[in-house]
Amino acid sequence: MANFESLTIFYPMWNEQDTIHRAVNAAFEAGDALVADGEIASYDVLIINDASTDATGEIADRLAASDPRVSVVHHAVNRKLGGTIKTGFENARGEIVLYTDADLPFDMAEVTKAVRLLRIYEADIVSAYRFDRTGEGVRRLIYSYVYNRLVQTLFGLRLRDMNFAFKLMRRSMLDQVELKSEGSFIDVELLARAKRLGFEIVQFGVDYFPRTRGISTLSSNSVIVKIVREMLELRGELQALEPLPPEVLHPWASGSGEPA
């Protein structure tokens, strides 16, 4: 019997026509390896097309039509990263859910380790961090350092590299966390709300592969301004949240989810 019933590998995509085939193939390889290891019984790949202006939507539809493991949701208007991630979480069917980027910022073979950490340490979220980010340039290194320090101070999160797109989560946790951000602050909001409610988060480091295709907009001035605004709003909202009772935090521990 598999340790988990199912896994959804979810990619938010905007203008990823150059990366989509590679991303889906990498998800297939990771899913097949997890099935062979007995960690999961099945998996699927979910693509959220955020109103792309290139051929991403058409390619995604062809992939879904040719393989039942692939499904696609299209946004009629561009909702940015936060809106796309919320759509992905709403549509993910797996008992566990992996969210990452289509440009494959890490070796998908690391997913096997993440699933094992989730199981062994009875965590609700496995959030990876990058060992080395020097390939991104000085500006983004400074931006990331200041951002993570500010988040750690405001929310008491003793975590590294919180915006990195490698998060493995239990579906039962996602059902209890209400996300509001429409922008790049969505990663921190997820971690901060989950921690406040009492969910367990573990981290591990991975080798990082900077984007070589497509476009990244996460360090633009408009994105930074929106992140700061959402950060201040969340700080006030978290004060009203109370930790959830154990039976709500970990329903799988009583036999309703993960096998013993």
C-alpha atoms as a PDB file:
ATOM      1  CA  MET A   1       0.000   0.000   0.000  1.00  0.00           C
ATOM      2  CA  ALA A   2       1.290   3.457  -0.914  1.00  0.00           C
ATOM      3  CA  ASN A   3       2.056   5.984   1.819  1.00  0.00           C
ATOM      4  CA  PHE A   4      -0.116   8.608   0.114  1.00  0.00           C
ATOM      5  CA  GLU A   5      -3.092   8.039  -2.135  1.00  0.00           C
ATOM      6  CA  SER A   6      -2.328  10.731  -4.694  1.00  0.00           C
ATOM      7  CA  LEU A   7      -0.129  13.690  -5.636  1.00  0.00           C
ATOM      8  CA  THR A   8      -0.973  16.738  -7.746  1.00  0.00           C
ATOM      9  CA  ILE A   9       1.990  18.538  -9.317  1.00  0.00           C
ATOM     10  CA  PHE A  10       0.780  22.045 -10.027  1.00  0.00           C
ATOM     11  CA  TYR A  11       2.377  24.625 -12.343  1.00  0.00           C
ATOM     12  CA  PRO A  12       1.213  28.256 -12.538  1.00  0.00           C
ATOM     13  CA  MET A  13       2.017  29.419 -16.076  1.00  0.00           C
ATOM     14  CA  TRP A  14       2.134  32.710 -17.929  1.00  0.00           C
ATOM     15  CA  ASN A  15       3.774  32.714 -21.374  1.00  0.00           C
ATOM     16  CA  GLU A  16       5.661  29.454 -20.807  1.00  0.00           C
ATOM     17  CA  GLN A  17       5.483  28.011 -24.326  1.00  0.00           C
ATOM     18  CA  ASP A  18       9.245  27.397 -24.251  1.00  0.00           C
ATOM     19  CA  THR A  19       9.190  25.485 -20.947  1.00  0.00           C
ATOM     20  CA  ILE A  20       5.845  23.693 -20.793  1.00  0.00           C
ATOM     21  CA  HIS A  21       6.863  20.427 -22.464  1.00  0.00           C
ATOM     22  CA  ARG A  22       9.983  20.099 -20.319  1.00  0.00           C
ATOM     23  CA  ALA A  23       8.012  20.880 -17.157  1.00  0.00           C
ATOM     24  CA  VAL A  24       5.321  18.289 -17.824  1.00  0.00           C
ATOM     25  CA  ASN A  25       7.863  15.618 -18.763  1.00  0.00           C
ATOM     26  CA  ALA A  26       9.809  16.309 -15.564  1.00  0.00           C
ATOM     27  CA  ALA A  27       6.583  15.956 -13.568  1.00  0.00           C
ATOM     28  CA  PHE A  28       5.909  12.604 -15.219  1.00  0.00           C
ATOM     29  CA  GLU A  29       9.398  11.377 -14.305  1.00  0.00           C
ATOM     30  CA  ALA A  30       9.021  12.503 -10.687  1.00  0.00           C
ATOM     31  CA  GLY A  31       5.546  10.995 -10.392  1.00  0.00           C
ATOM     32  CA  ASP A  32       6.593   7.681 -11.916  1.00  0.00           C
ATOM     33  CA  ALA A  33       9.531   7.455  -9.500  1.00  0.00           C
ATOM     34  CA  LEU A  34       7.279   8.092  -6.497  1.00  0.00           C
ATOM     35  CA  VAL A  35       4.803   5.438  -7.632  1.00  0.00           C
ATOM     36  CA  ALA A  36       7.651   2.945  -8.124  1.00  0.00           C
ATOM     37  CA  ASP A  37       8.953   3.715  -4.620  1.00  0.00           C
ATOM     38  CA  GLY A  38       5.534   3.140  -3.068  1.00  0.00           C
ATOM     39  CA  GLU A  39       5.242   6.707  -1.792  1.00  0.00           C
ATOM     40  CA  ILE A  40       2.120   7.509  -3.858  1.00  0.00           C
ATOM     41  CA  ALA A  41      -0.499   5.426  -5.608  1.00  0.00           C
ATOM     42  CA  SER A  42      -1.160   7.909  -8.418  1.00  0.00           C
ATOM     43  CA  TYR A  43      -0.421  11.433  -9.588  1.00  0.00           C
ATOM     44  CA  ASP A  44      -1.686  14.129 -11.922  1.00  0.00           C
ATOM     45  CA  VAL A  45      -0.281  17.339 -13.413  1.00  0.00           C
ATOM     46  CA  LEU A  46      -2.292  20.552 -13.175  1.00  0.00           C
ATOM     47  CA  ILE A  47      -1.548  23.600 -15.334  1.00  0.00           C
ATOM     48  CA  ILE A  48      -3.100  26.984 -14.576  1.00  0.00           C
ATOM     49  CA  ASN A  49      -2.767  29.145 -17.680  1.00  0.00           C
ATOM     50  CA  ASP A  50      -2.858  32.739 -16.440  1.00  0.00           C
ATOM     51  CA  ALA A  51      -4.232  34.323 -19.636  1.00  0.00           C
ATOM     52  CA  SER A  52      -0.999  33.746 -21.552  1.00  0.00           C
ATOM     53  CA  THR A  53      -0.522  35.758 -24.743  1.00  0.00           C
ATOM     54  CA  ASP A  54       1.670  33.133 -26.409  1.00  0.00           C
ATOM     55  CA  ALA A  55       0.910  29.481 -27.275  1.00  0.00           C
ATOM     56  CA  THR A  56       0.969  28.219 -23.664  1.00  0.00           C
ATOM     57  CA  GLY A  57      -2.796  27.656 -23.531  1.00  0.00           C
ATOM     58  CA  GLU A  58      -2.960  25.793 -26.830  1.00  0.00           C
ATOM     59  CA  ILE A  59      -0.017  23.564 -25.919  1.00  0.00           C
ATOM     60  CA  ALA A  60      -1.526  22.827 -22.501  1.00  0.00           C
ATOM     61  CA  ASP A  61      -4.829  21.841 -24.080  1.00  0.00           C
ATOM     62  CA  ARG A  62      -3.063  19.467 -26.480  1.00  0.00           C
ATOM     63  CA  LEU A  63      -1.156  17.857 -23.624  1.00  0.00           C
ATOM     64  CA  ALA A  64      -4.371  17.403 -21.620  1.00  0.00           C
ATOM     65  CA  ALA A  65      -6.164  15.911 -24.623  1.00  0.00           C
ATOM     66  CA  SER A  66      -3.366  13.398 -25.187  1.00  0.00           C
ATOM     67  CA  ASP A  67      -2.811  12.298 -21.563  1.00  0.00           C
ATOM     68  CA  PRO A  68      -5.458  11.899 -18.808  1.00  0.00           C
ATOM     69  CA  ARG A  69      -2.848  12.727 -16.173  1.00  0.00           C
ATOM     70  CA  VAL A  70      -2.791  16.356 -17.362  1.00  0.00           C
ATOM     71  CA  SER A  71      -5.531  18.910 -16.712  1.00  0.00           C
ATOM     72  CA  VAL A  72      -5.707  22.621 -17.500  1.00  0.00           C
ATOM     73  CA  VAL A  73      -7.573  25.608 -16.095  1.00  0.00           C
ATOM     74  CA  HIS A  74      -7.532  28.843 -18.118  1.00  0.00           C
ATOM     75  CA  HIS A  75      -7.862  32.320 -16.670  1.00  0.00           C
ATOM     76  CA  ALA A  76      -9.812  34.692 -18.903  1.00  0.00           C
ATOM     77  CA  VAL A  77      -7.827  37.620 -17.479  1.00  0.00           C
ATOM     78  CA  ASN A  78      -4.340  37.699 -15.999  1.00  0.00           C
ATOM     79  CA  ARG A  79      -4.517  37.271 -12.210  1.00  0.00           C
ATOM     80  CA  LYS A  80      -0.782  37.317 -11.456  1.00  0.00           C
ATOM     81  CA  LEU A  81       1.006  34.771  -9.283  1.00  0.00           C
ATOM     82  CA  GLY A  82      -1.237  34.932  -6.224  1.00  0.00           C
ATOM     83  CA  GLY A  83      -4.464  34.518  -8.140  1.00  0.00           C
ATOM     84  CA  THR A  84      -2.996  31.701 -10.212  1.00  0.00           C
ATOM     85  CA  ILE A  85      -1.758  29.816  -7.168  1.00  0.00           C
ATOM     86  CA  LYS A  86      -5.148  30.137  -5.477  1.00  0.00           C
ATOM     87  CA  THR A  87      -6.814  28.679  -8.559  1.00  0.00           C
ATOM     88  CA  GLY A  88      -4.285  25.849  -8.525  1.00  0.00           C
ATOM     89  CA  PHE A  89      -4.909  25.010  -4.887  1.00  0.00           C
ATOM     90  CA  GLU A  90      -8.674  25.085  -5.459  1.00  0.00           C
ATOM     91  CA  ASN A  91      -8.408  22.624  -8.345  1.00  0.00           C
ATOM     92  CA  ALA A  92      -5.679  20.290  -7.054  1.00  0.00           C
ATOM     93  CA  ARG A  93      -7.148  16.828  -6.393  1.00  0.00           C
ATOM     94  CA  GLY A  94      -4.225  15.062  -4.726  1.00  0.00           C
ATOM     95  CA  GLU A  95      -3.911  14.112  -1.064  1.00  0.00           C
ATOM     96  CA  ILE A  96      -0.618  15.972  -1.283  1.00  0.00           C
ATOM     97  CA  VAL A  97       0.104  18.910  -3.589  1.00  0.00           C
ATOM     98  CA  LEU A  98       3.391  20.170  -5.018  1.00  0.00           C
ATOM     99  CA  TYR A  99       3.578  23.733  -6.298  1.00  0.00           C
ATOM    100  CA  THR A 100       6.533  24.843  -8.421  1.00  0.00           C
ATOM    101  CA  ASP A 101       7.449  26.900 -11.486  1.00  0.00           C
ATOM    102  CA  ALA A 102       7.447  25.763 -15.099  1.00  0.00           C
ATOM    103  CA  ASP A 103      11.073  26.830 -15.574  1.00  0.00           C
ATOM    104  CA  LEU A 104      12.128  23.999 -13.193  1.00  0.00           C
ATOM    105  CA  PRO A 105      14.227  25.940 -10.659  1.00  0.00           C
ATOM    106  CA  PHE A 106      15.364  22.666  -9.052  1.00  0.00           C
ATOM    107  CA  ASP A 107      15.886  19.037 -10.047  1.00  0.00           C
ATOM    108  CA  MET A 108      12.469  17.368  -9.842  1.00  0.00           C
ATOM    109  CA  ALA A 109      14.184  14.282  -8.438  1.00  0.00           C
ATOM    110  CA  GLU A 110      14.216  16.255  -5.154  1.00  0.00           C
ATOM    111  CA  VAL A 111      10.462  15.715  -4.903  1.00  0.00           C
ATOM    112  CA  THR A 112      11.098  12.151  -3.723  1.00  0.00           C
ATOM    113  CA  LYS A 113      13.021  13.527  -0.744  1.00  0.00           C
ATOM    114  CA  ALA A 114      10.336  16.132  -0.038  1.00  0.00           C
ATOM    115  CA  VAL A 115       7.592  13.486   0.090  1.00  0.00           C
ATOM    116  CA  ARG A 116       9.699  11.368   2.425  1.00  0.00           C
ATOM    117  CA  LEU A 117      10.307  14.365   4.735  1.00  0.00           C
ATOM    118  CA  LEU A 118       6.589  15.179   4.778  1.00  0.00           C
ATOM    119  CA  ARG A 119       5.823  11.614   5.829  1.00  0.00           C
ATOM    120  CA  ILE A 120       8.646  10.906   8.283  1.00  0.00           C
ATOM    121  CA  TYR A 121       8.434  14.236  10.135  1.00  0.00           C
ATOM    122  CA  GLU A 122       4.617  14.312   9.981  1.00  0.00           C
ATOM    123  CA  ALA A 123       4.822  17.801   8.479  1.00  0.00           C
ATOM    124  CA  ASP A 124       2.075  19.718   6.719  1.00  0.00           C
ATOM    125  CA  ILE A 125       4.382  21.729   4.453  1.00  0.00           C
ATOM    126  CA  VAL A 126       7.843  21.007   3.101  1.00  0.00           C
ATOM    127  CA  SER A 127       9.303  24.306   1.889  1.00  0.00           C
ATOM    128  CA  ALA A 128      12.660  24.119   0.121  1.00  0.00           C
ATOM    129  CA  TYR A 129      15.338  26.821   0.022  1.00  0.00           C
ATOM    130  CA  ARG A 130      18.157  27.424  -2.443  1.00  0.00           C
ATOM    131  CA  PHE A 131      21.740  26.604  -1.489  1.00  0.00           C
ATOM    132  CA  ASP A 132      23.213  29.163  -3.891  1.00  0.00           C
ATOM    133  CA  ARG A 133      21.493  32.138  -5.545  1.00  0.00           C
ATOM    134  CA  THR A 134      24.503  33.977  -6.971  1.00  0.00           C
ATOM    135  CA  GLY A 135      23.356  33.262 -10.526  1.00  0.00           C
ATOM    136  CA  GLU A 136      20.448  35.685 -10.087  1.00  0.00           C
ATOM    137  CA  GLY A 137      22.540  38.836  -9.874  1.00  0.00           C
ATOM    138  CA  VAL A 138      23.287  41.351  -7.114  1.00  0.00           C
ATOM    139  CA  ARG A 139      19.965  43.224  -7.264  1.00  0.00           C
ATOM    140  CA  ARG A 140      17.835  40.165  -6.629  1.00  0.00           C
ATOM    141  CA  LEU A 141      20.185  38.887  -3.930  1.00  0.00           C
ATOM    142  CA  ILE A 142      19.840  42.160  -2.015  1.00  0.00           C
ATOM    143  CA  TYR A 143      16.080  42.267  -2.570  1.00  0.00           C
ATOM    144  CA  SER A 144      15.693  38.695  -1.315  1.00  0.00           C
ATOM    145  CA  TYR A 145      17.869  39.247   1.769  1.00  0.00           C
ATOM    146  CA  VAL A 146      15.949  42.360   2.853  1.00  0.00           C
ATOM    147  CA  TYR A 147      12.601  40.741   2.088  1.00  0.00           C
ATOM    148  CA  ASN A 148      13.265  37.552   4.067  1.00  0.00           C
ATOM    149  CA  ARG A 149      14.651  39.513   7.026  1.00  0.00           C
ATOM    150  CA  LEU A 150      11.589  41.755   7.073  1.00  0.00           C
ATOM    151  CA  VAL A 151       9.241  38.769   6.941  1.00  0.00           C
ATOM    152  CA  GLN A 152      11.122  36.994   9.728  1.00  0.00           C
ATOM    153  CA  THR A 153      10.843  40.108  11.899  1.00  0.00           C
ATOM    154  CA  LEU A 154       7.178  40.889  11.212  1.00  0.00           C
ATOM    155  CA  PHE A 155       5.791  37.348  11.369  1.00  0.00           C
ATOM    156  CA  GLY A 156       8.285  35.419  13.481  1.00  0.00           C
ATOM    157  CA  LEU A 157       8.861  32.894  10.689  1.00  0.00           C
ATOM    158  CA  ARG A 158      12.242  31.238  11.182  1.00  0.00           C
ATOM    159  CA  LEU A 159      12.386  30.105   7.586  1.00  0.00           C
ATOM    160  CA  ARG A 160      14.715  30.727   4.656  1.00  0.00           C
ATOM    161  CA  ASP A 161      14.005  31.732   1.062  1.00  0.00           C
ATOM    162  CA  MET A 162      10.266  31.827   1.587  1.00  0.00           C
ATOM    163  CA  ASN A 163       9.312  32.848  -1.959  1.00  0.00           C
ATOM    164  CA  PHE A 164      11.071  29.880  -3.562  1.00  0.00           C
ATOM    165  CA  ALA A 165       8.632  27.904  -5.702  1.00  0.00           C
ATOM    166  CA  PHE A 166       9.051  24.477  -4.109  1.00  0.00           C
ATOM    167  CA  LYS A 167       6.337  23.739  -1.613  1.00  0.00           C
ATOM    168  CA  LEU A 168       4.856  20.318  -0.920  1.00  0.00           C
ATOM    169  CA  MET A 169       1.647  20.412   1.125  1.00  0.00           C
ATOM    170  CA  ARG A 170      -1.103  18.229   2.488  1.00  0.00           C
ATOM    171  CA  ARG A 171      -4.515  18.824   0.943  1.00  0.00           C
ATOM    172  CA  SER A 172      -6.023  18.800   4.453  1.00  0.00           C
ATOM    173  CA  MET A 173      -3.867  21.819   5.353  1.00  0.00           C
ATOM    174  CA  LEU A 174      -4.832  23.772   2.232  1.00  0.00           C
ATOM    175  CA  ASP A 175      -8.499  23.255   3.094  1.00  0.00           C
ATOM    176  CA  GLN A 176      -7.983  25.197   6.343  1.00  0.00           C
ATOM    177  CA  VAL A 177      -5.903  28.124   5.054  1.00  0.00           C
ATOM    178  CA  GLU A 178      -7.722  31.032   3.414  1.00  0.00           C
ATOM    179  CA  LEU A 179      -5.372  32.910   1.079  1.00  0.00           C
ATOM    180  CA  LYS A 180      -6.061  36.447  -0.123  1.00  0.00           C
ATOM    181  CA  SER A 181      -2.947  37.700  -1.900  1.00  0.00           C
ATOM    182  CA  GLU A 182      -3.155  38.210  -5.657  1.00  0.00           C
ATOM    183  CA  GLY A 183       0.585  38.787  -6.015  1.00  0.00           C
ATOM    184  CA  SER A 184       4.004  37.378  -5.172  1.00  0.00           C
ATOM    185  CA  PHE A 185       3.358  37.671  -1.425  1.00  0.00           C
ATOM    186  CA  ILE A 186       1.243  34.509  -1.691  1.00  0.00           C
ATOM    187  CA  ASP A 187       4.141  32.252  -0.615  1.00  0.00           C
ATOM    188  CA  VAL A 188       4.749  34.106   2.647  1.00  0.00           C
ATOM    189  CA  GLU A 189       1.017  34.415   3.307  1.00  0.00           C
ATOM    190  CA  LEU A 190       0.655  30.642   2.962  1.00  0.00           C
ATOM    191  CA  LEU A 191       3.515  29.950   5.381  1.00  0.00           C
ATOM    192  CA  ALA A 192       2.488  32.639   7.896  1.00  0.00           C
ATOM    193  CA  ARG A 193      -1.178  31.599   8.040  1.00  0.00           C
ATOM    194  CA  ALA A 194      -0.293  27.901   8.248  1.00  0.00           C
ATOM    195  CA  LYS A 195       2.176  28.504  11.066  1.00  0.00           C
ATOM    196  CA  ARG A 196      -0.281  30.681  12.980  1.00  0.00           C
ATOM    197  CA  LEU A 197      -2.959  27.976  12.749  1.00  0.00           C
ATOM    198  CA  GLY A 198      -0.529  25.402  14.162  1.00  0.00           C
ATOM    199  CA  PHE A 199       0.566  23.479  11.073  1.00  0.00           C
ATOM    200  CA  GLU A 200       4.083  22.041  10.931  1.00  0.00           C
ATOM    201  CA  ILE A 201       6.623  23.322   8.377  1.00  0.00           C
ATOM    202  CA  VAL A 202       9.993  21.740   7.613  1.00  0.00           C
ATOM    203  CA  GLN A 203      12.691  22.949   5.218  1.00  0.00           C
ATOM    204  CA  PHE A 204      15.560  21.454   3.258  1.00  0.00           C
ATOM    205  CA  GLY A 205      18.056  22.855   0.767  1.00  0.00           C
ATOM    206  CA  VAL A 206      18.268  22.173  -2.960  1.00  0.00           C
ATOM    207  CA  ASP A 207      20.568  23.142  -5.809  1.00  0.00           C
ATOM    208  CA  TYR A 208      19.125  26.039  -7.782  1.00  0.00           C
ATOM    209  CA  PHE A 209      18.973  26.383 -11.556  1.00  0.00           C
ATOM    210  CA  PRO A 210      18.217  29.985 -12.665  1.00  0.00           C
ATOM    211  CA  ARG A 211      15.675  30.576 -15.407  1.00  0.00           C
ATOM    212  CA  THR A 212      17.122  30.221 -18.896  1.00  0.00           C
ATOM    213  CA  ARG A 213      13.873  30.515 -20.868  1.00  0.00           C
ATOM    214  CA  GLY A 214      10.832  32.747 -20.574  1.00  0.00           C
ATOM    215  CA  ILE A 215      10.467  35.872 -18.459  1.00  0.00           C
ATOM    216  CA  SER A 216      10.575  36.528 -14.717  1.00  0.00           C
ATOM    217  CA  THR A 217       8.858  39.664 -13.332  1.00  0.00           C
ATOM    218  CA  LEU A 218       9.014  38.971  -9.601  1.00  0.00           C
ATOM    219  CA  SER A 219      11.517  41.727  -8.771  1.00  0.00           C
ATOM    220  CA  SER A 220       9.788  44.600 -10.612  1.00  0.00           C
ATOM    221  CA  ASN A 221       9.056  47.780  -8.644  1.00  0.00           C
ATOM    222  CA  SER A 222       5.275  47.343  -8.927  1.00  0.00           C
ATOM    223  CA  VAL A 223       5.513  43.807  -7.535  1.00  0.00           C
ATOM    224  CA  ILE A 224       7.624  44.993  -4.590  1.00  0.00           C
ATOM    225  CA  VAL A 225       5.161  47.778  -3.720  1.00  0.00           C
ATOM    226  CA  LYS A 226       2.237  45.330  -3.769  1.00  0.00           C
ATOM    227  CA  ILE A 227       4.132  42.857  -1.577  1.00  0.00           C
ATOM    228  CA  VAL A 228       4.796  45.516   1.078  1.00  0.00           C
ATOM    229  CA  ARG A 229       1.120  46.542   1.123  1.00  0.00           C
ATOM    230  CA  GLU A 230      -0.098  42.954   1.476  1.00  0.00           C
ATOM    231  CA  MET A 231       2.537  42.276   4.130  1.00  0.00           C
ATOM    232  CA  LEU A 232       1.211  45.036   6.372  1.00  0.00           C
ATOM    233  CA  GLU A 233      -2.401  43.914   5.873  1.00  0.00           C
ATOM    234  CA  LEU A 234      -1.568  40.311   6.768  1.00  0.00           C
ATOM    235  CA  ARG A 235       0.230  41.284   9.961  1.00  0.00           C
ATOM    236  CA  GLY A 236      -2.988  42.748  11.321  1.00  0.00           C
ATOM    237  CA  GLU A 237      -5.139  39.803  10.201  1.00  0.00           C
ATOM    238  CA  LEU A 238      -2.910  37.169  11.799  1.00  0.00           C
ATOM    239  CA  GLN A 239      -3.520  38.589  15.267  1.00  0.00           C
ATOM    240  CA  ALA A 240      -7.132  37.393  15.043  1.00  0.00           C
ATOM    241  CA  LEU A 241      -6.228  33.795  14.097  1.00  0.00           C
ATOM    242  CA  GLU A 242      -6.216  31.082  16.764  1.00  0.00           C
ATOM    243  CA  PRO A 243      -4.494  27.673  16.486  1.00  0.00           C
ATOM    244  CA  LEU A 244      -6.763  24.888  15.264  1.00  0.00           C
ATOM    245  CA  PRO A 245      -7.569  21.854  17.461  1.00  0.00           C
ATOM    246  CA  PRO A 246      -5.468  18.697  16.843  1.00  0.00           C
ATOM    247  CA  GLU A 247      -8.266  16.765  15.145  1.00  0.00           C
ATOM    248  CA  VAL A 248      -8.579  19.549  12.551  1.00  0.00           C
ATOM    249  CA  LEU A 249      -4.840  20.087  12.167  1.00  0.00           C
ATOM    250  CA  HIS A 250      -4.056  16.432  11.540  1.00  0.00           C
ATOM    251  CA  PRO A 251      -7.133  14.446  10.441  1.00  0.00           C
ATOM    252  CA  TRP A 252      -4.869  11.868   8.796  1.00  0.00           C
ATOM    253  CA  ALA A 253      -3.330  10.978  12.173  1.00  0.00           C
ATOM    254  CA  SER A 254      -6.617   9.363  13.281  1.00  0.00           C
ATOM    255  CA  GLY A 255      -6.796   7.145  10.232  1.00  0.00           C
ATOM    256  CA  SER A 256      -8.905   9.307   7.924  1.00  0.00           C
ATOM    257  CA  GLY A 257      -6.020  10.183   5.632  1.00  0.00           C
ATOM    258  CA  GLU A 258      -2.511   8.816   5.364  1.00  0.00           C
ATOM    259  CA  PRO A 259      -2.194   5.060   6.023  1.00  0.00           C
ATOM    260  CA  ALA A 260      -0.478   4.034   9.229  1.00  0.00           C
END
